[in-house]
Amino acid sequence: MVDCIDCAQIIRQSSSRGRPSQQDHPTDSTPAWAQVKTLLVQSLVCLWVGTRGGHMILVELSKNQALQVLGPHCQSVRCIVPSNSEST
């Protein structure tokens, strides 16, 4: 599963929207900052991916498409935990 997600390409595409990308050439190895560190499946609909570089990627499983790219907000995302909030 981890090898099926090209986080480097997803992050590059999200950061280059509206301007030409200088890093469109694929490389043989995944950059360290784009390596998958953690995964969380949410309601069998979405997949949260945490990367070594601190990015969070939300992927829609039915279309295998990135919905949102966040970060980086830390050095590495090591754990993702679901949280339920109850409104009163």
PDB file of N, CA and C in Angstrom:
ATOM      1  N   MET A   1       0.827  -1.199   0.000  1.00  0.00           N
ATOM      2  CA  MET A   1       0.000   0.000   0.000  1.00  0.00           C
ATOM      3  C   MET A   1       0.866   1.256   0.000  1.00  0.00           C
ATOM      4  N   VAL A   2       1.909   1.240   0.819  1.00  0.00           N
ATOM      5  CA  VAL A   2       2.771   2.415   0.941  1.00  0.00           C
ATOM      6  C   VAL A   2       3.463   2.727  -0.379  1.00  0.00           C
ATOM      7  N   ASP A   3       3.862   1.706  -1.111  1.00  0.00           N
ATOM      8  CA  ASP A   3       4.559   1.911  -2.377  1.00  0.00           C
ATOM      9  C   ASP A   3       3.628   2.354  -3.502  1.00  0.00           C
ATOM     10  N   CYS A   4       2.325   2.233  -3.317  1.00  0.00           N
ATOM     11  CA  CYS A   4       1.359   2.612  -4.354  1.00  0.00           C
ATOM     12  C   CYS A   4       1.045   4.105  -4.356  1.00  0.00           C
ATOM     13  N   ILE A   5       1.454   4.816  -3.322  1.00  0.00           N
ATOM     14  CA  ILE A   5       1.127   6.236  -3.197  1.00  0.00           C
ATOM     15  C   ILE A   5       2.362   7.065  -3.531  1.00  0.00           C
ATOM     16  N   ASP A   6       2.284   7.852  -4.590  1.00  0.00           N
ATOM     17  CA  ASP A   6       3.403   8.703  -4.981  1.00  0.00           C
ATOM     18  C   ASP A   6       3.227  10.076  -4.333  1.00  0.00           C
ATOM     19  N   CYS A   7       3.641  10.174  -3.079  1.00  0.00           N
ATOM     20  CA  CYS A   7       3.462  11.421  -2.325  1.00  0.00           C
ATOM     21  C   CYS A   7       4.254  12.571  -2.926  1.00  0.00           C
ATOM     22  N   ALA A   8       5.420  12.295  -3.460  1.00  0.00           N
ATOM     23  CA  ALA A   8       6.234  13.359  -4.052  1.00  0.00           C
ATOM     24  C   ALA A   8       5.483  14.029  -5.199  1.00  0.00           C
ATOM     25  N   GLN A   9       4.873  13.238  -6.062  1.00  0.00           N
ATOM     26  CA  GLN A   9       4.127  13.793  -7.189  1.00  0.00           C
ATOM     27  C   GLN A   9       2.911  14.586  -6.702  1.00  0.00           C
ATOM     28  N   ILE A  10       2.189  14.056  -5.723  1.00  0.00           N
ATOM     29  CA  ILE A  10       1.004  14.738  -5.199  1.00  0.00           C
ATOM     30  C   ILE A  10       1.385  16.079  -4.582  1.00  0.00           C
ATOM     31  N   ILE A  11       2.443  16.097  -3.780  1.00  0.00           N
ATOM     32  CA  ILE A  11       2.884  17.334  -3.122  1.00  0.00           C
ATOM     33  C   ILE A  11       3.380  18.340  -4.144  1.00  0.00           C
ATOM     34  N   ARG A  12       4.134  17.873  -5.130  1.00  0.00           N
ATOM     35  CA  ARG A  12       4.636  18.784  -6.177  1.00  0.00           C
ATOM     36  C   ARG A  12       3.491  19.398  -6.971  1.00  0.00           C
ATOM     37  N   GLN A  13       2.491  18.573  -7.305  1.00  0.00           N
ATOM     38  CA  GLN A  13       1.346  19.091  -8.059  1.00  0.00           C
ATOM     39  C   GLN A  13       0.572  20.118  -7.255  1.00  0.00           C
ATOM     40  N   SER A  14       0.403  19.878  -5.967  1.00  0.00           N
ATOM     41  CA  SER A  14      -0.366  20.813  -5.152  1.00  0.00           C
ATOM     42  C   SER A  14       0.383  22.116  -4.927  1.00  0.00           C
ATOM     43  N   SER A  15       1.709  22.060  -4.884  1.00  0.00           N
ATOM     44  CA  SER A  15       2.485  23.274  -4.646  1.00  0.00           C
ATOM     45  C   SER A  15       2.736  24.059  -5.923  1.00  0.00           C
ATOM     46  N   SER A  16       2.519  23.441  -7.084  1.00  0.00           N
ATOM     47  CA  SER A  16       2.805  24.142  -8.336  1.00  0.00           C
ATOM     48  C   SER A  16       1.548  24.565  -9.079  1.00  0.00           C
ATOM     49  N   ARG A  17       0.398  24.509  -8.441  1.00  0.00           N
ATOM     50  CA  ARG A  17      -0.830  24.946  -9.108  1.00  0.00           C
ATOM     51  C   ARG A  17      -0.739  26.415  -9.472  1.00  0.00           C
ATOM     52  N   GLY A  18      -0.978  26.671 -10.750  1.00  0.00           N
ATOM     53  CA  GLY A  18      -0.967  28.052 -11.198  1.00  0.00           C
ATOM     54  C   GLY A  18       0.399  28.553 -11.634  1.00  0.00           C
ATOM     55  N   ARG A  19       1.430  27.767 -11.451  1.00  0.00           N
ATOM     56  CA  ARG A  19       2.755  28.172 -11.931  1.00  0.00           C
ATOM     57  C   ARG A  19       3.476  26.931 -12.446  1.00  0.00           C
ATOM     58  N   PRO A  20       4.366  27.084 -13.409  1.00  0.00           N
ATOM     59  CA  PRO A  20       5.052  25.921 -13.969  1.00  0.00           C
ATOM     60  C   PRO A  20       5.970  25.257 -12.948  1.00  0.00           C
ATOM     61  N   SER A  21       5.991  23.935 -12.977  1.00  0.00           N
ATOM     62  CA  SER A  21       6.830  23.185 -12.045  1.00  0.00           C
ATOM     63  C   SER A  21       8.179  22.891 -12.668  1.00  0.00           C
ATOM     64  N   GLN A  22       9.205  23.003 -11.861  1.00  0.00           N
ATOM     65  CA  GLN A  22      10.548  22.701 -12.338  1.00  0.00           C
ATOM     66  C   GLN A  22      10.953  21.292 -11.936  1.00  0.00           C
ATOM     67  N   GLN A  23      10.087  20.557 -11.218  1.00  0.00           N
ATOM     68  CA  GLN A  23      10.430  19.237 -10.720  1.00  0.00           C
ATOM     69  C   GLN A  23       9.479  18.179 -11.263  1.00  0.00           C
ATOM     70  N   ASP A  24       9.103  18.264 -12.525  1.00  0.00           N
ATOM     71  CA  ASP A  24       8.166  17.311 -13.097  1.00  0.00           C
ATOM     72  C   ASP A  24       8.834  16.030 -13.566  1.00  0.00           C
ATOM     73  N   HIS A  25      10.144  15.970 -13.548  1.00  0.00           N
ATOM     74  CA  HIS A  25      10.847  14.795 -14.017  1.00  0.00           C
ATOM     75  C   HIS A  25      10.858  13.732 -12.933  1.00  0.00           C
ATOM     76  N   PRO A  26      10.320  12.535 -13.220  1.00  0.00           N
ATOM     77  CA  PRO A  26      10.310  11.485 -12.199  1.00  0.00           C
ATOM     78  C   PRO A  26      11.718  11.004 -11.889  1.00  0.00           C
ATOM     79  N   THR A  27      11.938  10.591 -10.663  1.00  0.00           N
ATOM     80  CA  THR A  27      13.221  10.048 -10.257  1.00  0.00           C
ATOM     81  C   THR A  27      13.039   8.593  -9.876  1.00  0.00           C
ATOM     82  N   ASP A  28      14.136   7.867  -9.789  1.00  0.00           N
ATOM     83  CA  ASP A  28      14.072   6.448  -9.461  1.00  0.00           C
ATOM     84  C   ASP A  28      13.715   6.210  -8.006  1.00  0.00           C
ATOM     85  N   SER A  29      14.140   7.102  -7.128  1.00  0.00           N
ATOM     86  CA  SER A  29      13.864   6.903  -5.709  1.00  0.00           C
ATOM     87  C   SER A  29      12.997   8.035  -5.176  1.00  0.00           C
ATOM     88  N   THR A  30      12.195   7.713  -4.182  1.00  0.00           N
ATOM     89  CA  THR A  30      11.337   8.700  -3.547  1.00  0.00           C
ATOM     90  C   THR A  30      12.175   9.584  -2.646  1.00  0.00           C
ATOM     91  N   PRO A  31      12.005  10.920  -2.736  1.00  0.00           N
ATOM     92  CA  PRO A  31      12.739  11.798  -1.817  1.00  0.00           C
ATOM     93  C   PRO A  31      12.350  11.484  -0.372  1.00  0.00           C
ATOM     94  N   ALA A  32      13.288  11.651   0.534  1.00  0.00           N
ATOM     95  CA  ALA A  32      13.046  11.314   1.946  1.00  0.00           C
ATOM     96  C   ALA A  32      11.844  12.066   2.505  1.00  0.00           C
ATOM     97  N   TRP A  33      11.661  13.337   2.123  1.00  0.00           N
ATOM     98  CA  TRP A  33      10.568  14.135   2.668  1.00  0.00           C
ATOM     99  C   TRP A  33       9.203  13.640   2.202  1.00  0.00           C
ATOM    100  N   ALA A  34       9.154  12.803   1.160  1.00  0.00           N
ATOM    101  CA  ALA A  34       7.878  12.327   0.621  1.00  0.00           C
ATOM    102  C   ALA A  34       7.589  10.872   0.991  1.00  0.00           C
ATOM    103  N   GLN A  35       8.422  10.262   1.802  1.00  0.00           N
ATOM    104  CA  GLN A  35       8.182   8.879   2.193  1.00  0.00           C
ATOM    105  C   GLN A  35       6.999   8.782   3.144  1.00  0.00           C
ATOM    106  N   VAL A  36       6.166   7.774   2.938  1.00  0.00           N
ATOM    107  CA  VAL A  36       4.990   7.559   3.779  1.00  0.00           C
ATOM    108  C   VAL A  36       5.443   7.043   5.141  1.00  0.00           C
ATOM    109  N   LYS A  37       4.984   7.720   6.200  1.00  0.00           N
ATOM    110  CA  LYS A  37       5.302   7.297   7.567  1.00  0.00           C
ATOM    111  C   LYS A  37       4.096   6.674   8.259  1.00  0.00           C
ATOM    112  N   THR A  38       2.899   7.148   7.954  1.00  0.00           N
ATOM    113  CA  THR A  38       1.707   6.633   8.632  1.00  0.00           C
ATOM    114  C   THR A  38       0.478   6.755   7.730  1.00  0.00           C
ATOM    115  N   LEU A  39      -0.490   5.864   7.960  1.00  0.00           N
ATOM    116  CA  LEU A  39      -1.733   5.840   7.190  1.00  0.00           C
ATOM    117  C   LEU A  39      -2.920   5.720   8.143  1.00  0.00           C
ATOM    118  N   LEU A  40      -4.035   6.318   7.764  1.00  0.00           N
ATOM    119  CA  LEU A  40      -5.282   6.159   8.514  1.00  0.00           C
ATOM    120  C   LEU A  40      -6.433   6.120   7.519  1.00  0.00           C
ATOM    121  N   VAL A  41      -7.188   5.037   7.522  1.00  0.00           N
ATOM    122  CA  VAL A  41      -8.381   4.928   6.680  1.00  0.00           C
ATOM    123  C   VAL A  41      -9.552   5.466   7.482  1.00  0.00           C
ATOM    124  N   GLN A  42     -10.287   6.396   6.887  1.00  0.00           N
ATOM    125  CA  GLN A  42     -11.413   7.038   7.560  1.00  0.00           C
ATOM    126  C   GLN A  42     -12.710   6.611   6.886  1.00  0.00           C
ATOM    127  N   SER A  43     -13.484   5.806   7.579  1.00  0.00           N
ATOM    128  CA  SER A  43     -14.820   5.366   7.126  1.00  0.00           C
ATOM    129  C   SER A  43     -14.803   4.700   5.751  1.00  0.00           C
ATOM    130  N   LEU A  44     -13.731   4.048   5.402  1.00  0.00           N
ATOM    131  CA  LEU A  44     -13.576   3.389   4.100  1.00  0.00           C
ATOM    132  C   LEU A  44     -13.842   4.327   2.923  1.00  0.00           C
ATOM    133  N   VAL A  45     -13.730   5.624   3.156  1.00  0.00           N
ATOM    134  CA  VAL A  45     -13.971   6.619   2.114  1.00  0.00           C
ATOM    135  C   VAL A  45     -12.701   7.394   1.798  1.00  0.00           C
ATOM    136  N   CYS A  46     -11.974   7.764   2.839  1.00  0.00           N
ATOM    137  CA  CYS A  46     -10.783   8.593   2.672  1.00  0.00           C
ATOM    138  C   CYS A  46      -9.579   7.945   3.343  1.00  0.00           C
ATOM    139  N   LEU A  47      -8.423   8.268   2.826  1.00  0.00           N
ATOM    140  CA  LEU A  47      -7.169   7.805   3.393  1.00  0.00           C
ATOM    141  C   LEU A  47      -6.321   9.012   3.739  1.00  0.00           C
ATOM    142  N   TRP A  48      -5.915   9.106   5.008  1.00  0.00           N
ATOM    143  CA  TRP A  48      -4.987  10.141   5.445  1.00  0.00           C
ATOM    144  C   TRP A  48      -3.586   9.561   5.366  1.00  0.00           C
ATOM    145  N   VAL A  49      -2.662  10.302   4.772  1.00  0.00           N
ATOM    146  CA  VAL A  49      -1.284   9.866   4.627  1.00  0.00           C
ATOM    147  C   VAL A  49      -0.393  10.896   5.307  1.00  0.00           C
ATOM    148  N   GLY A  50       0.456  10.442   6.212  1.00  0.00           N
ATOM    149  CA  GLY A  50       1.438  11.307   6.857  1.00  0.00           C
ATOM    150  C   GLY A  50       2.812  11.006   6.298  1.00  0.00           C
ATOM    151  N   THR A  51       3.586  12.040   5.970  1.00  0.00           N
ATOM    152  CA  THR A  51       4.892  11.832   5.347  1.00  0.00           C
ATOM    153  C   THR A  51       6.040  12.173   6.288  1.00  0.00           C
ATOM    154  N   ARG A  52       7.196  11.734   5.903  1.00  0.00           N
ATOM    155  CA  ARG A  52       8.413  11.989   6.667  1.00  0.00           C
ATOM    156  C   ARG A  52       8.752  13.481   6.689  1.00  0.00           C
ATOM    157  N   GLY A  53       8.314  14.218   5.693  1.00  0.00           N
ATOM    158  CA  GLY A  53       8.592  15.646   5.610  1.00  0.00           C
ATOM    159  C   GLY A  53       7.576  16.515   6.321  1.00  0.00           C
ATOM    160  N   GLY A  54       6.569  15.915   6.964  1.00  0.00           N
ATOM    161  CA  GLY A  54       5.589  16.672   7.725  1.00  0.00           C
ATOM    162  C   GLY A  54       4.328  17.020   6.974  1.00  0.00           C
ATOM    163  N   HIS A  55       4.140  16.514   5.782  1.00  0.00           N
ATOM    164  CA  HIS A  55       2.921  16.768   5.012  1.00  0.00           C
ATOM    165  C   HIS A  55       1.830  15.785   5.413  1.00  0.00           C
ATOM    166  N   MET A  56       0.588  16.225   5.273  1.00  0.00           N
ATOM    167  CA  MET A  56      -0.585  15.364   5.431  1.00  0.00           C
ATOM    168  C   MET A  56      -1.344  15.420   4.106  1.00  0.00           C
ATOM    169  N   ILE A  57      -1.690  14.254   3.593  1.00  0.00           N
ATOM    170  CA  ILE A  57      -2.397  14.170   2.319  1.00  0.00           C
ATOM    171  C   ILE A  57      -3.699  13.407   2.558  1.00  0.00           C
ATOM    172  N   LEU A  58      -4.803  13.979   2.103  1.00  0.00           N
ATOM    173  CA  LEU A  58      -6.105  13.334   2.179  1.00  0.00           C
ATOM    174  C   LEU A  58      -6.449  12.804   0.791  1.00  0.00           C
ATOM    175  N   VAL A  59      -6.656  11.480   0.688  1.00  0.00           N
ATOM    176  CA  VAL A  59      -6.911  10.831  -0.598  1.00  0.00           C
ATOM    177  C   VAL A  59      -8.309  10.228  -0.592  1.00  0.00           C
ATOM    178  N   GLU A  60      -9.075  10.500  -1.639  1.00  0.00           N
ATOM    179  CA  GLU A  60     -10.391   9.878  -1.809  1.00  0.00           C
ATOM    180  C   GLU A  60     -10.182   8.487  -2.401  1.00  0.00           C
ATOM    181  N   LEU A  61     -10.586   7.464  -1.672  1.00  0.00           N
ATOM    182  CA  LEU A  61     -10.285   6.092  -2.077  1.00  0.00           C
ATOM    183  C   LEU A  61     -11.027   5.656  -3.339  1.00  0.00           C
ATOM    184  N   SER A  62     -12.260   6.081  -3.510  1.00  0.00           N
ATOM    185  CA  SER A  62     -13.031   5.626  -4.672  1.00  0.00           C
ATOM    186  C   SER A  62     -12.452   6.125  -5.997  1.00  0.00           C
ATOM    187  N   LYS A  63     -11.870   7.311  -5.984  1.00  0.00           N
ATOM    188  CA  LYS A  63     -11.296   7.888  -7.206  1.00  0.00           C
ATOM    189  C   LYS A  63      -9.775   7.869  -7.198  1.00  0.00           C
ATOM    190  N   ASN A  64      -9.181   7.453  -6.075  1.00  0.00           N
ATOM    191  CA  ASN A  64      -7.729   7.446  -5.918  1.00  0.00           C
ATOM    192  C   ASN A  64      -7.138   8.806  -6.286  1.00  0.00           C
ATOM    193  N   GLN A  65      -7.719   9.849  -5.712  1.00  0.00           N
ATOM    194  CA  GLN A  65      -7.372  11.222  -6.042  1.00  0.00           C
ATOM    195  C   GLN A  65      -7.127  12.016  -4.761  1.00  0.00           C
ATOM    196  N   ALA A  66      -6.101  12.852  -4.786  1.00  0.00           N
ATOM    197  CA  ALA A  66      -5.789  13.692  -3.628  1.00  0.00           C
ATOM    198  C   ALA A  66      -6.843  14.788  -3.499  1.00  0.00           C
ATOM    199  N   LEU A  67      -7.431  14.905  -2.308  1.00  0.00           N
ATOM    200  CA  LEU A  67      -8.416  15.951  -2.050  1.00  0.00           C
ATOM    201  C   LEU A  67      -7.777  17.188  -1.430  1.00  0.00           C
ATOM    202  N   GLN A  68      -6.790  16.959  -0.571  1.00  0.00           N
ATOM    203  CA  GLN A  68      -6.170  18.067   0.166  1.00  0.00           C
ATOM    204  C   GLN A  68      -4.741  17.688   0.526  1.00  0.00           C
ATOM    205  N   VAL A  69      -3.848  18.675   0.439  1.00  0.00           N
ATOM    206  CA  VAL A  69      -2.470  18.504   0.892  1.00  0.00           C
ATOM    207  C   VAL A  69      -2.203  19.587   1.928  1.00  0.00           C
ATOM    208  N   LEU A  70      -1.797  19.181   3.118  1.00  0.00           N
ATOM    209  CA  LEU A  70      -1.525  20.105   4.212  1.00  0.00           C
ATOM    210  C   LEU A  70      -0.054  20.038   4.591  1.00  0.00           C
ATOM    211  N   GLY A  71       0.485  21.172   4.971  1.00  0.00           N
ATOM    212  CA  GLY A  71       1.814  21.151   5.576  1.00  0.00           C
ATOM    213  C   GLY A  71       2.908  21.679   4.699  1.00  0.00           C
ATOM    214  N   PRO A  72       4.084  21.486   5.134  1.00  0.00           N
ATOM    215  CA  PRO A  72       4.463  20.737   6.325  1.00  0.00           C
ATOM    216  C   PRO A  72       4.327  21.587   7.588  1.00  0.00           C
ATOM    217  N   HIS A  73       3.869  20.953   8.644  1.00  0.00           N
ATOM    218  CA  HIS A  73       3.689  21.641   9.920  1.00  0.00           C
ATOM    219  C   HIS A  73       4.576  21.075  11.015  1.00  0.00           C
ATOM    220  N   CYS A  74       5.309  20.025  10.690  1.00  0.00           N
ATOM    221  CA  CYS A  74       6.243  19.431  11.649  1.00  0.00           C
ATOM    222  C   CYS A  74       7.334  18.737  10.838  1.00  0.00           C
ATOM    223  N   GLN A  75       8.292  18.148  11.504  1.00  0.00           N
ATOM    224  CA  GLN A  75       9.385  17.493  10.790  1.00  0.00           C
ATOM    225  C   GLN A  75       8.968  16.146  10.204  1.00  0.00           C
ATOM    226  N   SER A  76       8.120  15.411  10.897  1.00  0.00           N
ATOM    227  CA  SER A  76       7.677  14.111  10.414  1.00  0.00           C
ATOM    228  C   SER A  76       6.351  13.753  11.085  1.00  0.00           C
ATOM    229  N   VAL A  77       5.404  13.254  10.293  1.00  0.00           N
ATOM    230  CA  VAL A  77       4.131  12.793  10.847  1.00  0.00           C
ATOM    231  C   VAL A  77       4.305  11.323  11.179  1.00  0.00           C
ATOM    232  N   ARG A  78       4.324  11.008  12.454  1.00  0.00           N
ATOM    233  CA  ARG A  78       4.595   9.631  12.879  1.00  0.00           C
ATOM    234  C   ARG A  78       3.343   8.862  13.269  1.00  0.00           C
ATOM    235  N   CYS A  79       2.271   9.571  13.546  1.00  0.00           N
ATOM    236  CA  CYS A  79       1.057   8.900  14.011  1.00  0.00           C
ATOM    237  C   CYS A  79      -0.156   9.747  13.649  1.00  0.00           C
ATOM    238  N   ILE A  80      -1.225   9.083  13.226  1.00  0.00           N
ATOM    239  CA  ILE A  80      -2.497   9.746  12.963  1.00  0.00           C
ATOM    240  C   ILE A  80      -3.550   8.988  13.767  1.00  0.00           C
ATOM    241  N   VAL A  81      -4.313   9.710  14.563  1.00  0.00           N
ATOM    242  CA  VAL A  81      -5.310   9.091  15.429  1.00  0.00           C
ATOM    243  C   VAL A  81      -6.673   9.726  15.148  1.00  0.00           C
ATOM    244  N   PRO A  82      -7.701   8.911  14.939  1.00  0.00           N
ATOM    245  CA  PRO A  82      -9.035   9.485  14.731  1.00  0.00           C
ATOM    246  C   PRO A  82      -9.571  10.071  16.025  1.00  0.00           C
ATOM    247  N   SER A  83     -10.403  11.079  15.887  1.00  0.00           N
ATOM    248  CA  SER A  83     -11.004  11.731  17.054  1.00  0.00           C
ATOM    249  C   SER A  83     -12.473  11.951  16.781  1.00  0.00           C
ATOM    250  N   ASN A  84     -13.280  11.669  17.760  1.00  0.00           N
ATOM    251  CA  ASN A  84     -14.715  11.909  17.660  1.00  0.00           C
ATOM    252  C   ASN A  84     -15.062  13.072  18.581  1.00  0.00           C
ATOM    253  N   SER A  85     -15.769  14.027  18.053  1.00  0.00           N
ATOM    254  CA  SER A  85     -16.217  15.131  18.901  1.00  0.00           C
ATOM    255  C   SER A  85     -17.730  15.079  18.996  1.00  0.00           C
ATOM    256  N   GLU A  86     -18.198  15.201  20.202  1.00  0.00           N
ATOM    257  CA  GLU A  86     -19.640  15.199  20.441  1.00  0.00           C
ATOM    258  C   GLU A  86     -20.087  16.617  20.688  1.00  0.00           C
ATOM    259  N   SER A  87     -21.047  17.067  19.920  1.00  0.00           N
ATOM    260  CA  SER A  87     -21.574  18.404  20.139  1.00  0.00           C
ATOM    261  C   SER A  87     -22.670  18.338  21.192  1.00  0.00           C
ATOM    262  N   THR A  88     -22.709  19.352  22.054  1.00  0.00           N
ATOM    263  CA  THR A  88     -23.705  19.379  23.119  1.00  0.00           C
ATOM    264  C   THR A  88     -24.717  20.465  22.901  1.00  0.00           C
TER     265      THR A  88
END
